[in-house]
Amino acid sequence: MSEEILMRQGAPTLAGIKTGSLFPCPCEDKEALFADIRRLNRLLVPKGLCLLPIRFLKGQVLLYLYRPSELRRDLENEQAAEILHHAGYNSGHCGRCIANLIRRFREGGEFHYLGTLYPVRFTRKVLAFDRAFLIPAGDEAAVRTELEQLYRKLAAELLEPKVSDAAGRFGLTYRHVRVGGARGRWGSCSRDGGLNFSWRLVRWPEPVVDYVVVHELAHRIELNHSARYWREVERLCPGYRQLDRFLREHVPEYCPW
């Protein structure tokens, strides 16, 4: 692959692969391949792309390069049956990823909130959450728009108290908490103490959300990612490495769009 990732596996370059395509890659070391794919996805996700291993065959793995925003369209073409067949659809982690990615933006479709899947329910009540995403009826484009607005509302209601509580416990200060739509980062901290979070953060399990809050608050001590900064993160959130690893490795499952 490009950026010298996966090249040792003998895979083609990304420049030669069309999004929405399946392609084989030689695989002698499954763990090394997964590590390379995770590193590559860290570069791809901010660009609106993602690489997903679909199925391991003898000596190779079948990979799928896609744009989450175009996956519905991709799966409606002639490759849909092949993709779902190789994914096993409902079997295994890759099958669950595909099932998650192709959820319809319609009543009954399921989406994550704090790590748990909840259904969309059409109602006259506007933008509410009660063990379901309650939004007005509409076509898929409208449902997606309303769902994002509800996520933003939920994020604002959740994150402000979490930041306030954590700052109080650790004796830290901040200027404000704002929720935005960033895709490439879950949060940020400005020099004047402004904390910004992506609304997508509330899809993750709550321990991951709490870690990101601490991660940003730690920048009120060290506004960098130096060794000293990471020591502060460890002090404020013991065992953060496991949460950070989970956050990096499960983007396709929790944040497909």
Protein backbone atom coordinates (compact mmCIF):
# COMPACT_ATOMS: atom_id res chain seq x y z
CA MET A 1 0.00 0.00 0.00
CA SER A 2 1.01 3.61 -0.28
CA GLU A 3 2.79 5.43 2.54
CA GLU A 4 4.97 2.28 2.73
CA ILE A 5 2.24 0.54 4.74
CA LEU A 6 1.38 -3.02 3.71
CA MET A 7 4.02 -2.87 0.98
CA ARG A 8 5.92 -5.75 2.60
CA GLN A 9 2.73 -7.80 2.22
CA GLY A 10 2.86 -7.32 -1.54
CA ALA A 11 -0.43 -5.42 -1.85
CA PRO A 12 -1.10 -2.99 -4.73
CA THR A 13 -0.93 0.75 -4.18
CA LEU A 14 -4.06 2.58 -3.05
CA ALA A 15 -3.76 4.84 -6.09
CA GLY A 16 -4.63 1.85 -8.25
CA ILE A 17 -7.69 0.80 -6.24
CA LYS A 18 -11.15 2.22 -6.89
CA THR A 19 -13.27 2.91 -3.81
CA GLY A 20 -16.03 0.38 -3.36
CA SER A 21 -13.73 -2.38 -4.63
CA LEU A 22 -12.66 -5.73 -3.24
CA PHE A 23 -9.07 -6.79 -3.81
CA PRO A 24 -6.77 -9.55 -2.49
CA CYS A 25 -3.60 -8.99 -0.51
CA PRO A 26 -0.99 -11.68 0.29
CA CYS A 27 -0.98 -12.40 4.03
CA GLU A 28 1.61 -14.45 5.86
CA ASP A 29 1.31 -12.73 9.23
CA LYS A 30 -2.29 -11.89 10.22
CA GLU A 31 -1.36 -9.87 13.33
CA ALA A 32 1.17 -7.77 11.41
CA LEU A 33 -1.38 -7.17 8.66
CA PHE A 34 -4.01 -6.00 11.15
CA ALA A 35 -1.47 -3.62 12.71
CA ASP A 36 -0.62 -2.20 9.27
CA ILE A 37 -4.30 -1.76 8.38
CA ARG A 38 -4.94 0.08 11.65
CA ARG A 39 -2.01 2.44 10.99
CA LEU A 40 -3.17 3.02 7.43
CA ASN A 41 -6.73 3.76 8.54
CA ARG A 42 -5.41 6.51 10.81
CA LEU A 43 -4.27 8.23 7.62
CA LEU A 44 -7.35 7.32 5.58
CA VAL A 45 -10.20 8.16 7.97
CA PRO A 46 -9.49 11.94 8.01
CA LYS A 47 -9.64 11.75 4.19
CA GLY A 48 -13.05 10.06 4.24
CA LEU A 49 -11.72 6.59 3.38
CA CYS A 50 -11.45 3.32 5.24
CA LEU A 51 -9.93 -0.10 4.60
CA LEU A 52 -11.69 -3.19 5.92
CA PRO A 53 -10.46 -6.81 5.94
CA ILE A 54 -13.38 -8.91 4.74
CA ARG A 55 -12.24 -12.51 4.80
CA PHE A 56 -9.03 -14.48 5.26
CA LEU A 57 -8.38 -17.13 2.64
CA LYS A 58 -5.37 -19.43 2.28
CA GLY A 59 -2.31 -17.20 2.18
CA GLN A 60 -4.21 -13.98 1.53
CA VAL A 61 -6.87 -11.63 2.83
CA LEU A 62 -9.67 -10.00 0.88
CA LEU A 63 -9.70 -6.23 1.52
CA TYR A 64 -12.44 -3.68 0.89
CA LEU A 65 -11.62 0.00 0.30
CA TYR A 66 -14.61 2.28 0.75
CA ARG A 67 -15.89 5.75 1.54
CA PRO A 68 -18.42 5.51 4.40
CA SER A 69 -20.42 8.33 2.80
CA GLU A 70 -20.79 6.29 -0.41
CA LEU A 71 -21.16 2.80 1.01
CA ARG A 72 -24.91 2.60 0.47
CA ARG A 73 -24.45 3.37 -3.21
CA ASP A 74 -21.55 0.93 -3.50
CA LEU A 75 -23.58 -1.90 -2.04
CA GLU A 76 -26.43 -1.33 -4.49
CA ASN A 77 -24.23 -2.18 -7.47
CA GLU A 78 -23.33 -5.64 -8.75
CA GLN A 79 -20.62 -6.17 -6.10
CA ALA A 80 -23.08 -6.13 -3.19
CA ALA A 81 -23.78 -9.87 -3.22
CA GLU A 82 -20.07 -10.70 -3.40
CA ILE A 83 -19.17 -8.33 -0.56
CA LEU A 84 -21.87 -9.64 1.74
CA HIS A 85 -21.05 -13.22 0.83
CA HIS A 86 -17.38 -12.83 1.71
CA ALA A 87 -18.21 -10.87 4.86
CA GLY A 88 -20.50 -13.61 6.10
CA TYR A 89 -22.75 -10.61 6.84
CA ASN A 90 -23.77 -11.58 10.39
CA SER A 91 -20.79 -13.72 11.34
CA GLY A 92 -17.53 -12.44 12.76
CA HIS A 93 -16.22 -8.96 13.46
CA CYS A 94 -15.92 -7.97 9.78
CA GLY A 95 -19.49 -9.06 9.16
CA ARG A 96 -20.66 -6.89 12.05
CA CYS A 97 -18.71 -3.94 10.65
CA ILE A 98 -20.38 -4.30 7.27
CA ALA A 99 -23.80 -4.69 8.88
CA ASN A 100 -23.15 -1.54 10.90
CA LEU A 101 -21.98 0.44 7.88
CA ILE A 102 -25.00 -0.33 5.71
CA ARG A 103 -27.69 0.45 8.26
CA ARG A 104 -30.44 2.32 6.56
CA PHE A 105 -31.32 5.82 7.66
CA ARG A 106 -34.92 4.83 8.27
CA GLU A 107 -37.22 3.82 11.10
CA GLY A 108 -35.81 0.76 12.83
CA GLY A 109 -32.22 1.46 11.79
CA GLU A 110 -29.83 1.14 14.72
CA PHE A 111 -27.04 3.49 15.76
CA HIS A 112 -24.65 3.72 18.71
CA TYR A 113 -25.01 5.93 21.76
CA LEU A 114 -22.46 5.42 24.56
CA GLY A 115 -21.49 2.10 23.04
CA THR A 116 -24.99 0.61 22.80
CA LEU A 117 -27.12 0.29 19.68
CA TYR A 118 -30.52 1.98 19.77
CA PRO A 119 -33.20 2.10 17.06
CA VAL A 120 -34.57 5.09 15.19
CA ARG A 121 -38.24 5.71 15.95
CA PHE A 122 -40.40 8.17 14.07
CA THR A 123 -42.44 10.45 16.32
CA ARG A 124 -44.01 13.87 16.45
CA LYS A 125 -41.71 14.64 19.36
CA VAL A 126 -38.76 16.47 17.85
CA LEU A 127 -35.18 15.38 18.54
CA ALA A 128 -35.41 13.36 21.74
CA PHE A 129 -33.75 10.25 23.09
CA ASP A 130 -35.49 7.64 25.22
CA ARG A 131 -33.73 4.32 24.61
CA ALA A 132 -34.36 5.17 20.97
CA PHE A 133 -33.55 8.05 18.64
CA LEU A 134 -36.89 9.87 18.39
CA ILE A 135 -36.99 12.02 15.27
CA PRO A 136 -39.59 13.26 12.76
CA ALA A 137 -40.42 10.97 9.85
CA GLY A 138 -38.62 11.68 6.59
CA ASP A 139 -36.61 10.25 3.73
CA GLU A 140 -33.08 8.92 4.27
CA ALA A 141 -31.41 12.31 3.75
CA ALA A 142 -33.76 13.94 6.27
CA VAL A 143 -33.30 11.12 8.79
CA ARG A 144 -29.53 11.44 8.57
CA THR A 145 -29.72 15.21 9.09
CA GLU A 146 -32.09 14.93 12.05
CA LEU A 147 -30.03 12.14 13.58
CA GLU A 148 -26.89 14.26 13.44
CA GLN A 149 -28.72 17.16 15.08
CA LEU A 150 -29.90 14.86 17.86
CA TYR A 151 -26.36 13.54 18.34
CA ARG A 152 -25.12 17.13 18.65
CA LYS A 153 -27.76 17.84 21.28
CA LEU A 154 -26.89 14.69 23.22
CA ALA A 155 -23.18 15.50 23.02
CA ALA A 156 -23.69 19.00 24.41
CA GLU A 157 -25.84 17.68 27.28
CA LEU A 158 -23.35 14.93 28.11
CA LEU A 159 -19.96 16.57 27.70
CA GLU A 160 -20.42 19.84 29.59
CA PRO A 161 -21.16 18.07 32.93
CA LYS A 162 -18.40 15.52 32.32
CA VAL A 163 -15.81 18.24 31.71
CA SER A 164 -17.02 20.23 34.72
CA ASP A 165 -16.87 17.19 36.99
CA ALA A 166 -13.43 16.07 35.79
CA ALA A 167 -11.99 19.60 36.00
CA GLY A 168 -13.29 19.93 39.55
CA ARG A 169 -11.82 16.58 40.64
CA PHE A 170 -8.40 17.34 39.17
CA GLY A 171 -8.25 21.04 40.06
CA LEU A 172 -8.12 22.19 36.43
CA THR A 173 -9.79 25.12 34.69
CA TYR A 174 -11.20 25.62 31.21
CA ARG A 175 -12.93 28.39 29.32
CA HIS A 176 -15.81 26.68 27.53
CA VAL A 177 -17.03 23.42 26.01
CA ARG A 178 -18.19 23.38 22.40
CA VAL A 179 -19.47 20.58 20.18
CA GLY A 180 -18.50 20.54 16.49
CA GLY A 181 -18.44 18.19 13.55
CA ALA A 182 -14.74 17.32 13.26
CA ARG A 183 -14.05 13.92 11.68
CA GLY A 184 -10.31 13.59 12.06
CA ARG A 185 -10.10 14.26 15.81
CA TRP A 186 -12.34 13.60 18.80
CA GLY A 187 -11.41 16.70 20.74
CA SER A 188 -9.03 19.62 21.02
CA CYS A 189 -7.88 22.20 23.55
CA SER A 190 -6.94 25.78 22.66
CA ARG A 191 -4.35 27.90 24.41
CA ASP A 192 -7.05 29.93 26.15
CA GLY A 193 -8.69 26.81 27.60
CA GLY A 194 -11.46 26.28 25.07
CA LEU A 195 -12.38 22.60 24.78
CA ASN A 196 -13.91 21.35 21.56
CA PHE A 197 -15.36 17.88 20.95
CA SER A 198 -16.79 16.09 17.95
CA TRP A 199 -20.43 15.08 18.30
CA ARG A 200 -19.38 11.63 17.07
CA LEU A 201 -17.62 11.04 20.38
CA VAL A 202 -20.90 10.12 22.15
CA ARG A 203 -21.23 7.01 20.01
CA TRP A 204 -18.36 5.37 21.91
CA PRO A 205 -18.62 3.46 25.22
CA GLU A 206 -18.66 5.83 28.18
CA PRO A 207 -15.17 4.91 29.48
CA VAL A 208 -13.78 5.98 26.09
CA VAL A 209 -15.69 9.27 26.28
CA ASP A 210 -14.33 9.88 29.79
CA TYR A 211 -10.80 9.19 28.56
CA VAL A 212 -11.10 11.74 25.73
CA VAL A 213 -12.38 14.33 28.22
CA VAL A 214 -9.33 13.71 30.44
CA HIS A 215 -7.05 13.68 27.39
CA GLU A 216 -8.13 17.21 26.49
CA LEU A 217 -8.14 18.52 30.06
CA ALA A 218 -4.56 17.26 30.45
CA HIS A 219 -3.61 19.85 27.83
CA ARG A 220 -4.39 22.48 30.47
CA ILE A 221 -1.22 21.20 32.14
CA GLU A 222 0.87 20.47 29.06
CA LEU A 223 -0.27 21.94 25.71
CA ASN A 224 1.61 19.34 23.69
CA HIS A 225 2.02 15.57 23.37
CA SER A 226 5.39 15.30 25.08
CA ALA A 227 6.41 12.49 27.42
CA ARG A 228 5.54 14.79 30.31
CA TYR A 229 2.03 15.27 28.89
CA TRP A 230 1.45 11.51 28.65
CA ARG A 231 2.62 11.10 32.25
CA GLU A 232 -0.11 13.55 33.25
CA VAL A 233 -2.68 11.57 31.25
CA GLU A 234 -1.55 8.39 33.03
CA ARG A 235 -1.90 10.13 36.40
CA LEU A 236 -5.41 11.40 35.61
CA CYS A 237 -6.58 8.27 33.79
CA PRO A 238 -4.64 5.14 34.84
CA GLY A 239 -4.80 2.49 32.14
CA TYR A 240 -5.56 5.02 29.41
CA ARG A 241 -3.50 3.07 26.85
CA GLN A 242 -6.12 0.35 26.53
CA LEU A 243 -8.85 2.95 25.95
CA ASP A 244 -6.71 4.84 23.46
CA ARG A 245 -6.02 1.63 21.56
CA PHE A 246 -9.73 0.76 21.51
CA LEU A 247 -10.52 4.22 20.16
CA ARG A 248 -8.01 3.86 17.34
CA GLU A 249 -8.96 0.32 16.36
CA HIS A 250 -12.78 0.47 16.29
CA VAL A 251 -13.57 3.51 14.16
CA PRO A 252 -15.38 1.54 11.39
CA GLU A 253 -17.62 -0.10 14.00
CA TYR A 254 -18.63 2.98 15.96
CA CYS A 255 -18.20 5.84 13.50
CA PRO A 256 -18.97 4.71 9.94
CA TRP A 257 -20.28 8.18 8.97
